[in-house]
N, C-alpha and C. Protein backbone atom coordinates (compact mmCIF):
# COMPACT_ATOMS: atom_id res chain seq x y z
N MET A 1 -110.93 43.51 -67.48
CA MET A 1 -110.03 43.70 -66.34
C MET A 1 -109.89 42.43 -65.50
N ILE A 2 -110.99 41.71 -65.31
CA ILE A 2 -110.97 40.43 -64.56
C ILE A 2 -111.58 39.34 -65.43
N ARG A 3 -110.85 38.25 -65.55
CA ARG A 3 -111.38 37.10 -66.29
C ARG A 3 -111.05 35.84 -65.49
N ALA A 4 -112.08 35.08 -65.15
CA ALA A 4 -111.89 33.82 -64.44
C ALA A 4 -112.57 32.71 -65.24
N SER A 5 -111.92 31.56 -65.28
CA SER A 5 -112.45 30.45 -66.07
C SER A 5 -112.41 29.16 -65.27
N ASN A 6 -113.57 28.53 -65.12
CA ASN A 6 -113.72 27.20 -64.54
C ASN A 6 -113.05 27.09 -63.16
N ILE A 7 -113.36 28.04 -62.28
CA ILE A 7 -112.76 28.05 -60.94
C ILE A 7 -113.46 27.03 -60.05
N THR A 8 -112.68 26.12 -59.50
CA THR A 8 -113.20 25.15 -58.53
C THR A 8 -112.41 25.27 -57.23
N LYS A 9 -113.09 24.95 -56.12
CA LYS A 9 -112.44 24.98 -54.81
C LYS A 9 -113.19 24.07 -53.86
N SER A 10 -112.46 23.21 -53.17
CA SER A 10 -113.05 22.33 -52.17
C SER A 10 -112.31 22.48 -50.86
N PHE A 11 -113.03 22.29 -49.77
CA PHE A 11 -112.45 22.19 -48.44
C PHE A 11 -112.83 20.81 -47.91
N SER A 12 -111.81 19.94 -47.81
CA SER A 12 -112.04 18.52 -47.50
C SER A 12 -113.02 17.95 -48.53
N SER A 13 -114.14 17.39 -48.09
CA SER A 13 -115.08 16.78 -49.03
C SER A 13 -116.13 17.75 -49.55
N LEU A 14 -116.10 19.00 -49.07
CA LEU A 14 -117.11 19.99 -49.46
C LEU A 14 -116.61 20.81 -50.65
N GLN A 15 -117.29 20.69 -51.77
CA GLN A 15 -116.93 21.51 -52.93
C GLN A 15 -117.69 22.82 -52.85
N VAL A 16 -116.95 23.92 -52.70
CA VAL A 16 -117.53 25.24 -52.49
C VAL A 16 -117.76 25.97 -53.81
N LEU A 17 -116.82 25.85 -54.74
CA LEU A 17 -116.95 26.45 -56.07
C LEU A 17 -116.92 25.35 -57.11
N LYS A 18 -117.86 25.41 -58.07
CA LYS A 18 -118.08 24.28 -58.97
C LYS A 18 -117.95 24.68 -60.44
N GLY A 19 -116.82 25.30 -60.77
CA GLY A 19 -116.59 25.67 -62.16
C GLY A 19 -117.15 27.04 -62.50
N VAL A 20 -116.67 28.08 -61.80
CA VAL A 20 -117.18 29.44 -61.96
C VAL A 20 -116.46 30.15 -63.10
N ASP A 21 -117.21 30.78 -63.99
CA ASP A 21 -116.68 31.64 -65.05
C ASP A 21 -117.14 33.06 -64.79
N LEU A 22 -116.25 34.01 -65.05
CA LEU A 22 -116.57 35.40 -64.76
C LEU A 22 -115.74 36.32 -65.64
N GLN A 23 -116.37 37.37 -66.15
CA GLN A 23 -115.65 38.40 -66.87
C GLN A 23 -116.19 39.77 -66.44
N ILE A 24 -115.27 40.66 -66.07
CA ILE A 24 -115.64 42.01 -65.62
C ILE A 24 -114.81 43.02 -66.40
N ASN A 25 -115.48 43.97 -66.99
CA ASN A 25 -114.81 44.97 -67.80
C ASN A 25 -114.21 46.08 -66.95
N GLU A 26 -113.26 46.78 -67.52
CA GLU A 26 -112.61 47.89 -66.84
C GLU A 26 -113.64 48.93 -66.41
N LYS A 27 -113.49 49.41 -65.16
CA LYS A 27 -114.31 50.46 -64.55
C LYS A 27 -115.74 50.01 -64.26
N ASP A 28 -116.05 48.73 -64.39
CA ASP A 28 -117.35 48.23 -63.96
C ASP A 28 -117.42 48.17 -62.44
N ILE A 29 -118.63 48.37 -61.91
CA ILE A 29 -118.92 48.07 -60.51
C ILE A 29 -119.84 46.85 -60.52
N VAL A 30 -119.36 45.75 -59.94
CA VAL A 30 -120.10 44.49 -59.97
C VAL A 30 -120.26 43.98 -58.54
N THR A 31 -121.46 43.56 -58.20
CA THR A 31 -121.71 42.94 -56.89
C THR A 31 -122.05 41.48 -57.07
N ILE A 32 -121.72 40.69 -56.06
CA ILE A 32 -122.10 39.28 -56.00
C ILE A 32 -122.96 39.10 -54.75
N THR A 33 -124.17 38.62 -54.94
CA THR A 33 -125.07 38.36 -53.83
C THR A 33 -125.45 36.89 -53.80
N GLY A 34 -126.08 36.49 -52.71
CA GLY A 34 -126.48 35.10 -52.55
C GLY A 34 -126.47 34.73 -51.09
N ALA A 35 -127.02 33.58 -50.77
CA ALA A 35 -127.12 33.13 -49.38
C ALA A 35 -125.74 32.85 -48.81
N SER A 36 -125.66 32.89 -47.48
CA SER A 36 -124.42 32.50 -46.81
C SER A 36 -124.06 31.06 -47.20
N GLY A 37 -122.78 30.84 -47.44
CA GLY A 37 -122.34 29.51 -47.83
C GLY A 37 -122.39 29.24 -49.32
N ALA A 38 -122.78 30.23 -50.11
CA ALA A 38 -122.90 30.03 -51.56
C ALA A 38 -121.54 30.00 -52.25
N GLY A 39 -120.50 30.53 -51.59
CA GLY A 39 -119.16 30.54 -52.19
C GLY A 39 -118.67 31.92 -52.57
N LYS A 40 -119.40 32.97 -52.19
CA LYS A 40 -119.08 34.33 -52.62
C LYS A 40 -117.71 34.79 -52.13
N THR A 41 -117.49 34.68 -50.82
CA THR A 41 -116.22 35.16 -50.26
C THR A 41 -115.06 34.30 -50.73
N THR A 42 -115.26 33.02 -50.84
CA THR A 42 -114.19 32.14 -51.35
C THR A 42 -113.78 32.57 -52.75
N LEU A 43 -114.75 32.87 -53.60
CA LEU A 43 -114.43 33.33 -54.95
C LEU A 43 -113.69 34.65 -54.91
N LEU A 44 -114.14 35.58 -54.07
CA LEU A 44 -113.49 36.89 -53.97
C LEU A 44 -112.04 36.73 -53.54
N GLN A 45 -111.79 35.86 -52.59
CA GLN A 45 -110.42 35.65 -52.11
C GLN A 45 -109.53 35.04 -53.18
N ILE A 46 -110.09 34.17 -53.99
CA ILE A 46 -109.31 33.57 -55.09
C ILE A 46 -109.02 34.61 -56.17
N LEU A 47 -110.02 35.40 -56.52
CA LEU A 47 -109.81 36.44 -57.53
C LEU A 47 -108.79 37.47 -57.04
N GLY A 48 -108.81 37.76 -55.73
CA GLY A 48 -107.88 38.73 -55.16
C GLY A 48 -106.53 38.15 -54.79
N THR A 49 -106.29 36.90 -55.12
CA THR A 49 -105.03 36.17 -54.89
C THR A 49 -104.73 35.95 -53.41
N LEU A 50 -105.74 36.06 -52.56
CA LEU A 50 -105.56 35.73 -51.15
C LEU A 50 -105.65 34.22 -50.92
N ASP A 51 -106.21 33.50 -51.88
CA ASP A 51 -106.35 32.05 -51.83
C ASP A 51 -106.14 31.52 -53.24
N THR A 52 -105.93 30.23 -53.36
CA THR A 52 -105.73 29.62 -54.67
C THR A 52 -106.86 28.66 -54.99
N ALA A 53 -107.20 28.56 -56.26
CA ALA A 53 -108.22 27.63 -56.71
C ALA A 53 -107.63 26.23 -56.84
N ASP A 54 -108.49 25.23 -56.76
CA ASP A 54 -108.04 23.87 -57.05
C ASP A 54 -107.79 23.69 -58.54
N SER A 55 -108.60 24.36 -59.35
CA SER A 55 -108.41 24.33 -60.80
C SER A 55 -109.02 25.60 -61.40
N GLY A 56 -108.66 25.87 -62.65
CA GLY A 56 -109.15 27.06 -63.32
C GLY A 56 -108.08 28.14 -63.37
N THR A 57 -108.38 29.23 -64.05
CA THR A 57 -107.42 30.31 -64.22
C THR A 57 -108.05 31.66 -63.85
N VAL A 58 -107.21 32.54 -63.35
CA VAL A 58 -107.61 33.92 -63.03
C VAL A 58 -106.67 34.86 -63.76
N GLU A 59 -107.24 35.83 -64.45
CA GLU A 59 -106.45 36.83 -65.17
C GLU A 59 -106.94 38.21 -64.74
N ILE A 60 -106.01 39.06 -64.31
CA ILE A 60 -106.33 40.43 -63.89
C ILE A 60 -105.45 41.39 -64.66
N ASN A 61 -106.07 42.33 -65.34
CA ASN A 61 -105.34 43.32 -66.13
C ASN A 61 -104.37 42.66 -67.11
N GLY A 62 -104.82 41.54 -67.67
CA GLY A 62 -104.04 40.85 -68.69
C GLY A 62 -102.99 39.90 -68.17
N LEU A 63 -102.86 39.74 -66.87
CA LEU A 63 -101.83 38.88 -66.29
C LEU A 63 -102.48 37.67 -65.61
N LYS A 64 -102.03 36.47 -65.97
CA LYS A 64 -102.52 35.26 -65.33
C LYS A 64 -101.82 35.08 -64.00
N THR A 65 -102.59 35.17 -62.92
CA THR A 65 -101.98 35.20 -61.59
C THR A 65 -101.36 33.86 -61.20
N ASP A 66 -101.83 32.76 -61.79
CA ASP A 66 -101.27 31.46 -61.42
C ASP A 66 -99.88 31.23 -62.00
N THR A 67 -99.40 32.14 -62.85
CA THR A 67 -98.05 32.02 -63.41
C THR A 67 -97.01 32.69 -62.52
N LEU A 68 -97.43 33.37 -61.45
CA LEU A 68 -96.52 34.13 -60.61
C LEU A 68 -96.03 33.30 -59.43
N ASN A 69 -94.74 33.46 -59.09
CA ASN A 69 -94.24 32.83 -57.86
C ASN A 69 -94.69 33.66 -56.66
N SER A 70 -94.39 33.20 -55.46
CA SER A 70 -94.96 33.83 -54.26
C SER A 70 -94.52 35.28 -54.12
N ASN A 71 -93.26 35.59 -54.42
CA ASN A 71 -92.78 36.96 -54.30
C ASN A 71 -93.43 37.88 -55.33
N ALA A 72 -93.52 37.40 -56.57
CA ALA A 72 -94.15 38.19 -57.63
C ALA A 72 -95.63 38.38 -57.35
N LEU A 73 -96.26 37.35 -56.78
CA LEU A 73 -97.68 37.44 -56.47
C LEU A 73 -97.92 38.46 -55.35
N ALA A 74 -97.06 38.48 -54.35
CA ALA A 74 -97.19 39.46 -53.26
C ALA A 74 -97.03 40.88 -53.80
N GLU A 75 -96.08 41.08 -54.72
CA GLU A 75 -95.89 42.41 -55.30
C GLU A 75 -97.09 42.80 -56.16
N PHE A 76 -97.59 41.84 -56.93
CA PHE A 76 -98.77 42.08 -57.76
C PHE A 76 -99.96 42.48 -56.89
N ARG A 77 -100.17 41.76 -55.80
CA ARG A 77 -101.29 42.03 -54.90
C ARG A 77 -101.15 43.43 -54.28
N ASN A 78 -99.94 43.80 -53.92
CA ASN A 78 -99.69 45.09 -53.29
C ASN A 78 -99.93 46.25 -54.26
N LYS A 79 -99.57 46.07 -55.52
CA LYS A 79 -99.61 47.17 -56.48
C LYS A 79 -100.90 47.23 -57.30
N THR A 80 -101.52 46.09 -57.54
CA THR A 80 -102.59 46.03 -58.54
C THR A 80 -103.98 45.94 -57.95
N VAL A 81 -104.12 45.38 -56.74
CA VAL A 81 -105.45 45.20 -56.14
C VAL A 81 -105.48 45.84 -54.76
N GLY A 82 -106.67 46.29 -54.38
CA GLY A 82 -106.92 46.80 -53.03
C GLY A 82 -108.06 46.04 -52.40
N PHE A 83 -108.07 45.98 -51.08
CA PHE A 83 -109.08 45.20 -50.35
C PHE A 83 -109.77 46.05 -49.29
N ILE A 84 -111.09 45.88 -49.18
CA ILE A 84 -111.87 46.46 -48.09
C ILE A 84 -112.66 45.33 -47.45
N PHE A 85 -112.57 45.23 -46.13
CA PHE A 85 -113.23 44.14 -45.41
C PHE A 85 -114.37 44.68 -44.55
N GLN A 86 -115.24 43.80 -44.12
CA GLN A 86 -116.42 44.21 -43.36
C GLN A 86 -116.03 44.90 -42.07
N PHE A 87 -115.03 44.37 -41.37
CA PHE A 87 -114.68 44.91 -40.05
C PHE A 87 -113.34 45.66 -40.10
N HIS A 88 -113.08 46.30 -41.22
CA HIS A 88 -112.01 47.28 -41.37
C HIS A 88 -110.61 46.70 -41.33
N GLN A 89 -110.32 45.82 -40.34
CA GLN A 89 -108.99 45.21 -40.19
C GLN A 89 -107.90 46.28 -40.06
N LEU A 90 -108.22 47.38 -39.39
CA LEU A 90 -107.19 48.38 -39.12
C LEU A 90 -106.33 47.92 -37.94
N MET A 91 -105.07 48.35 -37.94
CA MET A 91 -104.17 48.00 -36.84
C MET A 91 -104.38 48.98 -35.70
N PRO A 92 -104.82 48.50 -34.53
CA PRO A 92 -105.28 49.39 -33.46
C PRO A 92 -104.19 50.29 -32.89
N GLU A 93 -102.93 49.87 -32.99
CA GLU A 93 -101.86 50.66 -32.38
C GLU A 93 -101.37 51.82 -33.26
N PHE A 94 -101.89 51.87 -34.50
CA PHE A 94 -101.45 52.91 -35.43
C PHE A 94 -102.57 53.92 -35.69
N SER A 95 -102.18 55.13 -36.03
CA SER A 95 -103.14 56.20 -36.33
C SER A 95 -103.80 55.95 -37.68
N ALA A 96 -104.83 56.75 -37.98
CA ALA A 96 -105.48 56.66 -39.28
C ALA A 96 -104.47 56.88 -40.40
N LEU A 97 -103.61 57.88 -40.25
CA LEU A 97 -102.60 58.18 -41.27
C LEU A 97 -101.64 57.01 -41.44
N GLU A 98 -101.18 56.44 -40.35
CA GLU A 98 -100.23 55.32 -40.42
C GLU A 98 -100.88 54.09 -41.03
N ASN A 99 -102.14 53.82 -40.69
CA ASN A 99 -102.85 52.69 -41.31
C ASN A 99 -102.96 52.87 -42.81
N ALA A 100 -103.30 54.08 -43.24
CA ALA A 100 -103.45 54.35 -44.67
C ALA A 100 -102.13 54.22 -45.41
N MET A 101 -101.03 54.57 -44.76
CA MET A 101 -99.70 54.52 -45.39
C MET A 101 -99.16 53.11 -45.57
N MET A 102 -99.63 52.15 -44.77
CA MET A 102 -98.95 50.88 -44.62
C MET A 102 -98.68 50.13 -45.93
N PRO A 103 -99.66 49.97 -46.83
CA PRO A 103 -99.36 49.23 -48.07
C PRO A 103 -98.30 49.92 -48.93
N ALA A 104 -98.27 51.25 -48.90
CA ALA A 104 -97.25 51.98 -49.67
C ALA A 104 -95.87 51.72 -49.10
N LEU A 105 -95.74 51.72 -47.78
CA LEU A 105 -94.45 51.44 -47.15
C LEU A 105 -94.01 50.01 -47.42
N ILE A 106 -94.96 49.08 -47.34
CA ILE A 106 -94.64 47.68 -47.64
C ILE A 106 -94.15 47.54 -49.08
N GLY A 107 -94.74 48.34 -49.97
CA GLY A 107 -94.35 48.30 -51.38
C GLY A 107 -93.07 49.03 -51.70
N GLY A 108 -92.44 49.64 -50.68
CA GLY A 108 -91.16 50.28 -50.89
C GLY A 108 -91.20 51.76 -51.17
N MET A 109 -92.35 52.40 -51.02
CA MET A 109 -92.44 53.84 -51.25
C MET A 109 -91.70 54.60 -50.16
N ASP A 110 -91.05 55.68 -50.53
CA ASP A 110 -90.40 56.56 -49.59
C ASP A 110 -91.40 57.05 -48.54
N PHE A 111 -90.94 57.16 -47.28
CA PHE A 111 -91.84 57.50 -46.17
C PHE A 111 -92.56 58.82 -46.43
N LYS A 112 -91.83 59.84 -46.80
CA LYS A 112 -92.44 61.16 -47.00
C LYS A 112 -93.47 61.14 -48.12
N LYS A 113 -93.16 60.41 -49.20
CA LYS A 113 -94.11 60.31 -50.30
C LYS A 113 -95.35 59.53 -49.86
N ALA A 114 -95.15 58.44 -49.12
CA ALA A 114 -96.28 57.66 -48.62
C ALA A 114 -97.16 58.50 -47.72
N GLU A 115 -96.53 59.30 -46.86
CA GLU A 115 -97.28 60.17 -45.96
C GLU A 115 -98.10 61.19 -46.75
N ALA A 116 -97.48 61.78 -47.77
CA ALA A 116 -98.18 62.77 -48.59
C ALA A 116 -99.35 62.14 -49.34
N GLU A 117 -99.15 60.95 -49.88
CA GLU A 117 -100.23 60.26 -50.61
C GLU A 117 -101.37 59.89 -49.67
N ALA A 118 -101.03 59.42 -48.48
CA ALA A 118 -102.06 59.04 -47.50
C ALA A 118 -102.87 60.27 -47.08
N LYS A 119 -102.20 61.39 -46.86
CA LYS A 119 -102.92 62.61 -46.49
C LYS A 119 -103.85 63.06 -47.62
N LYS A 120 -103.37 62.93 -48.85
CA LYS A 120 -104.20 63.31 -50.00
C LYS A 120 -105.47 62.48 -50.05
N LEU A 121 -105.34 61.17 -49.79
CA LEU A 121 -106.51 60.29 -49.83
C LEU A 121 -107.43 60.54 -48.64
N LEU A 122 -106.86 60.74 -47.47
CA LEU A 122 -107.69 61.03 -46.31
C LEU A 122 -108.42 62.36 -46.47
N ASP A 123 -107.77 63.32 -47.10
CA ASP A 123 -108.44 64.60 -47.40
C ASP A 123 -109.60 64.36 -48.35
N TYR A 124 -109.36 63.56 -49.39
CA TYR A 124 -110.41 63.23 -50.36
C TYR A 124 -111.61 62.59 -49.67
N LEU A 125 -111.33 61.78 -48.65
CA LEU A 125 -112.37 61.06 -47.92
C LEU A 125 -112.90 61.85 -46.71
N LYS A 126 -112.53 63.15 -46.65
CA LYS A 126 -113.01 64.06 -45.60
C LYS A 126 -112.58 63.61 -44.20
N LEU A 127 -111.33 63.16 -44.12
CA LEU A 127 -110.79 62.72 -42.84
C LEU A 127 -109.52 63.49 -42.47
N ASN A 128 -109.37 64.69 -43.02
CA ASN A 128 -108.16 65.46 -42.75
C ASN A 128 -108.03 65.85 -41.28
N HIS A 129 -109.14 65.83 -40.54
CA HIS A 129 -109.09 66.15 -39.12
C HIS A 129 -108.86 64.92 -38.25
N ARG A 130 -108.61 63.78 -38.88
CA ARG A 130 -108.46 62.53 -38.14
C ARG A 130 -107.10 61.86 -38.34
N TYR A 131 -106.14 62.56 -38.92
CA TYR A 131 -104.83 61.94 -39.20
C TYR A 131 -104.26 61.18 -38.01
N GLY A 132 -104.27 61.81 -36.83
CA GLY A 132 -103.59 61.26 -35.68
C GLY A 132 -104.43 60.37 -34.79
N HIS A 133 -105.69 60.16 -35.16
CA HIS A 133 -106.58 59.35 -34.32
C HIS A 133 -106.39 57.86 -34.59
N ARG A 134 -106.42 57.09 -33.53
CA ARG A 134 -106.35 55.64 -33.65
C ARG A 134 -107.76 55.09 -33.90
N PRO A 135 -107.84 53.83 -34.40
CA PRO A 135 -109.16 53.27 -34.73
C PRO A 135 -110.17 53.33 -33.59
N SER A 136 -109.71 53.18 -32.34
CA SER A 136 -110.64 53.20 -31.21
C SER A 136 -111.28 54.57 -31.01
N GLU A 137 -110.70 55.60 -31.64
CA GLU A 137 -111.22 56.96 -31.51
C GLU A 137 -112.07 57.37 -32.71
N LEU A 138 -112.30 56.44 -33.63
CA LEU A 138 -113.04 56.74 -34.86
C LEU A 138 -114.40 56.07 -34.85
N SER A 139 -115.37 56.68 -35.54
CA SER A 139 -116.68 56.05 -35.72
C SER A 139 -116.56 54.91 -36.73
N GLY A 140 -117.62 54.10 -36.83
CA GLY A 140 -117.62 53.01 -37.79
C GLY A 140 -117.42 53.48 -39.22
N GLY A 141 -118.11 54.56 -39.58
CA GLY A 141 -117.97 55.09 -40.93
C GLY A 141 -116.58 55.64 -41.19
N GLU A 142 -115.97 56.27 -40.18
CA GLU A 142 -114.61 56.80 -40.33
C GLU A 142 -113.60 55.66 -40.47
N LYS A 143 -113.77 54.60 -39.70
CA LYS A 143 -112.89 53.45 -39.83
C LYS A 143 -112.95 52.88 -41.25
N GLN A 144 -114.16 52.79 -41.79
CA GLN A 144 -114.28 52.22 -43.13
C GLN A 144 -113.63 53.13 -44.17
N ARG A 145 -113.72 54.44 -43.98
CA ARG A 145 -113.08 55.35 -44.92
C ARG A 145 -111.55 55.29 -44.82
N VAL A 146 -111.03 55.08 -43.62
CA VAL A 146 -109.58 54.86 -43.49
C VAL A 146 -109.19 53.59 -44.24
N ALA A 147 -110.03 52.56 -44.12
CA ALA A 147 -109.76 51.31 -44.85
C ALA A 147 -109.79 51.54 -46.35
N VAL A 148 -110.67 52.42 -46.82
CA VAL A 148 -110.72 52.75 -48.24
C VAL A 148 -109.43 53.46 -48.65
N ALA A 149 -108.97 54.41 -47.84
CA ALA A 149 -107.71 55.10 -48.13
C ALA A 149 -106.56 54.12 -48.20
N ARG A 150 -106.51 53.19 -47.27
CA ARG A 150 -105.46 52.16 -47.28
C ARG A 150 -105.53 51.32 -48.55
N ALA A 151 -106.73 50.98 -48.99
CA ALA A 151 -106.90 50.18 -50.20
C ALA A 151 -106.47 50.92 -51.45
N LEU A 152 -106.55 52.26 -51.41
CA LEU A 152 -106.27 53.07 -52.61
C LEU A 152 -104.84 53.59 -52.67
N ILE A 153 -104.06 53.43 -51.62
CA ILE A 153 -102.79 54.13 -51.49
C ILE A 153 -101.82 53.83 -52.64
N ASN A 154 -101.86 52.63 -53.20
CA ASN A 154 -100.99 52.29 -54.32
C ASN A 154 -101.70 52.42 -55.67
N TYR A 155 -102.86 53.07 -55.67
CA TYR A 155 -103.65 53.32 -56.87
C TYR A 155 -103.84 52.03 -57.70
N PRO A 156 -104.54 51.06 -57.10
CA PRO A 156 -104.73 49.76 -57.76
C PRO A 156 -105.69 49.85 -58.94
N LYS A 157 -105.63 48.83 -59.78
CA LYS A 157 -106.54 48.72 -60.91
C LYS A 157 -107.90 48.17 -60.48
N VAL A 158 -107.89 47.32 -59.43
CA VAL A 158 -109.11 46.63 -58.99
C VAL A 158 -109.26 46.78 -57.49
N LEU A 159 -110.50 47.03 -57.05
CA LEU A 159 -110.83 47.09 -55.64
C LEU A 159 -111.79 45.96 -55.31
N PHE A 160 -111.39 45.09 -54.38
CA PHE A 160 -112.24 44.00 -53.91
C PHE A 160 -112.80 44.38 -52.54
N ALA A 161 -114.09 44.18 -52.35
CA ALA A 161 -114.72 44.52 -51.08
C ALA A 161 -115.61 43.38 -50.62
N ASP A 162 -115.43 42.96 -49.37
CA ASP A 162 -116.21 41.85 -48.80
C ASP A 162 -117.14 42.42 -47.74
N GLU A 163 -118.42 42.48 -48.05
CA GLU A 163 -119.45 43.03 -47.16
C GLU A 163 -119.03 44.40 -46.61
N PRO A 164 -118.69 45.35 -47.48
CA PRO A 164 -118.14 46.63 -47.00
C PRO A 164 -119.10 47.46 -46.18
N SER A 165 -120.42 47.25 -46.34
CA SER A 165 -121.39 48.03 -45.57
C SER A 165 -122.00 47.22 -44.44
N GLY A 166 -121.48 46.03 -44.20
CA GLY A 166 -122.11 45.11 -43.24
C GLY A 166 -122.12 45.58 -41.81
N SER A 167 -121.15 46.42 -41.43
CA SER A 167 -121.08 46.86 -40.04
C SER A 167 -121.47 48.32 -39.88
N LEU A 168 -122.11 48.92 -40.91
CA LEU A 168 -122.42 50.34 -40.89
C LEU A 168 -123.90 50.59 -40.68
N ASP A 169 -124.22 51.76 -40.08
CA ASP A 169 -125.62 52.16 -39.95
C ASP A 169 -126.12 52.70 -41.29
N SER A 170 -127.41 53.01 -41.37
CA SER A 170 -128.02 53.36 -42.65
C SER A 170 -127.41 54.61 -43.28
N GLN A 171 -127.07 55.61 -42.46
CA GLN A 171 -126.50 56.84 -43.01
C GLN A 171 -125.12 56.58 -43.60
N ASN A 172 -124.28 55.83 -42.86
CA ASN A 172 -122.95 55.53 -43.35
C ASN A 172 -122.99 54.59 -44.56
N LYS A 173 -123.99 53.72 -44.60
CA LYS A 173 -124.16 52.86 -45.78
C LYS A 173 -124.42 53.71 -47.02
N ALA A 174 -125.33 54.67 -46.90
CA ALA A 174 -125.66 55.52 -48.05
C ALA A 174 -124.44 56.30 -48.52
N GLU A 175 -123.63 56.79 -47.57
CA GLU A 175 -122.43 57.53 -47.92
C GLU A 175 -121.42 56.62 -48.61
N LEU A 176 -121.31 55.38 -48.14
CA LEU A 176 -120.38 54.43 -48.76
C LEU A 176 -120.81 54.09 -50.18
N HIS A 177 -122.12 53.94 -50.39
CA HIS A 177 -122.62 53.65 -51.73
C HIS A 177 -122.22 54.76 -52.70
N ARG A 178 -122.43 56.00 -52.30
CA ARG A 178 -122.05 57.13 -53.17
C ARG A 178 -120.54 57.17 -53.39
N LEU A 179 -119.78 56.80 -52.33
CA LEU A 179 -118.33 56.83 -52.44
C LEU A 179 -117.83 55.86 -53.51
N PHE A 180 -118.43 54.67 -53.59
CA PHE A 180 -117.98 53.71 -54.59
C PHE A 180 -118.17 54.26 -56.00
N LEU A 181 -119.25 54.96 -56.24
CA LEU A 181 -119.47 55.58 -57.55
C LEU A 181 -118.40 56.64 -57.81
N ASP A 182 -118.07 57.43 -56.79
CA ASP A 182 -117.04 58.45 -56.94
C ASP A 182 -115.67 57.80 -57.21
N LEU A 183 -115.38 56.72 -56.51
CA LEU A 183 -114.09 56.06 -56.69
C LEU A 183 -113.93 55.56 -58.12
N ARG A 184 -114.98 54.96 -58.65
CA ARG A 184 -114.93 54.47 -60.04
C ARG A 184 -114.61 55.62 -60.99
N ASN A 185 -115.26 56.76 -60.80
CA ASN A 185 -115.09 57.88 -61.72
C ASN A 185 -113.78 58.64 -61.49
N ASP A 186 -113.39 58.80 -60.23
CA ASP A 186 -112.22 59.62 -59.91
C ASP A 186 -110.90 58.84 -60.00
N PHE A 187 -110.96 57.54 -59.81
CA PHE A 187 -109.74 56.73 -59.79
C PHE A 187 -109.68 55.72 -60.93
N ASN A 188 -110.69 55.72 -61.80
CA ASN A 188 -110.72 54.78 -62.93
C ASN A 188 -110.50 53.34 -62.48
N ILE A 189 -111.21 52.96 -61.43
CA ILE A 189 -110.97 51.68 -60.79
C ILE A 189 -112.14 50.74 -61.04
N THR A 190 -111.85 49.46 -61.16
CA THR A 190 -112.85 48.41 -61.30
C THR A 190 -113.16 47.88 -59.90
N ILE A 191 -114.44 47.70 -59.59
CA ILE A 191 -114.84 47.33 -58.22
C ILE A 191 -115.68 46.06 -58.24
N LEU A 192 -115.28 45.09 -57.44
CA LEU A 192 -116.05 43.86 -57.26
C LEU A 192 -116.34 43.69 -55.79
N MET A 193 -117.64 43.57 -55.45
CA MET A 193 -118.06 43.49 -54.06
C MET A 193 -118.93 42.27 -53.80
N VAL A 194 -118.69 41.63 -52.67
CA VAL A 194 -119.61 40.64 -52.13
C VAL A 194 -120.48 41.34 -51.11
N THR A 195 -121.79 41.17 -51.20
CA THR A 195 -122.67 41.89 -50.28
C THR A 195 -124.00 41.17 -50.10
N HIS A 196 -124.62 41.41 -48.95
CA HIS A 196 -126.02 41.04 -48.73
C HIS A 196 -126.92 42.26 -48.83
N ASP A 197 -126.32 43.41 -49.09
CA ASP A 197 -127.03 44.69 -49.07
C ASP A 197 -127.68 44.93 -50.43
N LYS A 198 -129.01 44.78 -50.49
CA LYS A 198 -129.72 44.94 -51.76
C LYS A 198 -129.61 46.36 -52.31
N GLU A 199 -129.56 47.33 -51.41
CA GLU A 199 -129.42 48.72 -51.86
C GLU A 199 -128.07 48.94 -52.52
N LEU A 200 -127.03 48.36 -51.93
CA LEU A 200 -125.71 48.47 -52.52
C LEU A 200 -125.66 47.81 -53.89
N SER A 201 -126.27 46.63 -54.02
CA SER A 201 -126.25 45.95 -55.32
C SER A 201 -127.03 46.72 -56.37
N SER A 202 -128.00 47.54 -55.94
CA SER A 202 -128.77 48.32 -56.91
C SER A 202 -127.94 49.44 -57.52
N PHE A 203 -126.83 49.83 -56.87
CA PHE A 203 -125.94 50.86 -57.40
C PHE A 203 -125.02 50.29 -58.49
N ALA A 204 -124.86 48.98 -58.51
CA ALA A 204 -123.86 48.36 -59.37
C ALA A 204 -124.29 48.34 -60.84
N ASP A 205 -123.29 48.22 -61.71
CA ASP A 205 -123.58 48.03 -63.13
C ASP A 205 -124.18 46.64 -63.37
N ARG A 206 -123.69 45.67 -62.60
CA ARG A 206 -124.19 44.29 -62.70
C ARG A 206 -124.24 43.70 -61.30
N ASN A 207 -125.25 42.84 -61.09
CA ASN A 207 -125.31 42.05 -59.87
C ASN A 207 -125.38 40.59 -60.24
N LEU A 208 -124.43 39.81 -59.77
CA LEU A 208 -124.38 38.37 -60.03
C LEU A 208 -124.88 37.63 -58.81
N ILE A 209 -125.76 36.68 -59.02
CA ILE A 209 -126.33 35.91 -57.92
C ILE A 209 -125.70 34.53 -57.89
N MET A 210 -125.18 34.15 -56.72
CA MET A 210 -124.50 32.87 -56.57
C MET A 210 -125.29 31.96 -55.66
N ALA A 211 -125.35 30.69 -56.02
CA ALA A 211 -125.98 29.67 -55.18
C ALA A 211 -125.25 28.36 -55.39
N ASP A 212 -124.90 27.69 -54.29
CA ASP A 212 -124.27 26.37 -54.35
C ASP A 212 -123.04 26.34 -55.25
N GLY A 213 -122.22 27.40 -55.19
CA GLY A 213 -120.94 27.38 -55.87
C GLY A 213 -120.94 27.74 -57.32
N VAL A 214 -122.05 28.23 -57.84
CA VAL A 214 -122.11 28.68 -59.25
C VAL A 214 -122.98 29.93 -59.34
N PHE A 215 -122.83 30.68 -60.42
CA PHE A 215 -123.73 31.79 -60.68
C PHE A 215 -125.02 31.25 -61.28
N VAL A 216 -126.14 31.73 -60.75
CA VAL A 216 -127.43 31.22 -61.21
C VAL A 216 -128.24 32.28 -61.93
N ASN A 217 -127.85 33.54 -61.82
CA ASN A 217 -128.63 34.59 -62.46
C ASN A 217 -127.80 35.88 -62.45
N GLU A 218 -128.27 36.87 -63.19
CA GLU A 218 -127.64 38.18 -63.20
C GLU A 218 -128.71 39.24 -63.24
C-alpha cells in the first residue's frame, strides 16, 4: 500500500531525512517511534503528500505521487488518505457534524449525502448525541473521535496519524488504541502513526524506530 524509496529532506543546512526506505502492506498498522528531531513527522508529511521530498519516490496504492500536478495531488489527498493530528485541528466555529462533513464537501459530495455519511461515522464512534456541539463543548476524547470521523469521511485507503494520543488521558488513550484496531478491521484501512506512546506502538503490527533521519531498528 505504501512504498517509499531513498527519501531525503533538508531544511537549510540541516538534513532531516537521509535516504529513508519504507514498505507497508495493505491493512497493516505501523508505528514510527524515536526521539524528537529524528525526522518522524517530516517523513509522515512527505508520505501523506503534505510536503515534498528533496529526492526519492513515494508510491501509495500503486500511484507515484510525484507524478501528479498540484490539482491532481489535492484530489488524491482528499480521496485516498486521511489525517489525524495531535491537537485535533477542528474548526471551532463549526459543529462536530460540520467538521466531519468538511472533506466530503471539499471533494464535491452532495450536501445531503455528506451529512448522512458523517452521521453514520459519528454514530459508529458513539458520538450521535454530539452532532450539534462545537469543539469547545467536547471533551478531548470526543474531539479526537470527531477528527477520526473527518479523516474517514471519504473512506481513504491510508490513515496517517501524528501523535494521535499525545493530548489524551489514559482512559481515552486506551479507547483510541482499541479504535485503531477496529478501524483496520471495519474499514480495511492501512494505518501509519508517529508516536511516543509505547503502549500504542505495542498494538501495531510493526514498530519502526527512527534516529537521525534513518530507520535504525524494527
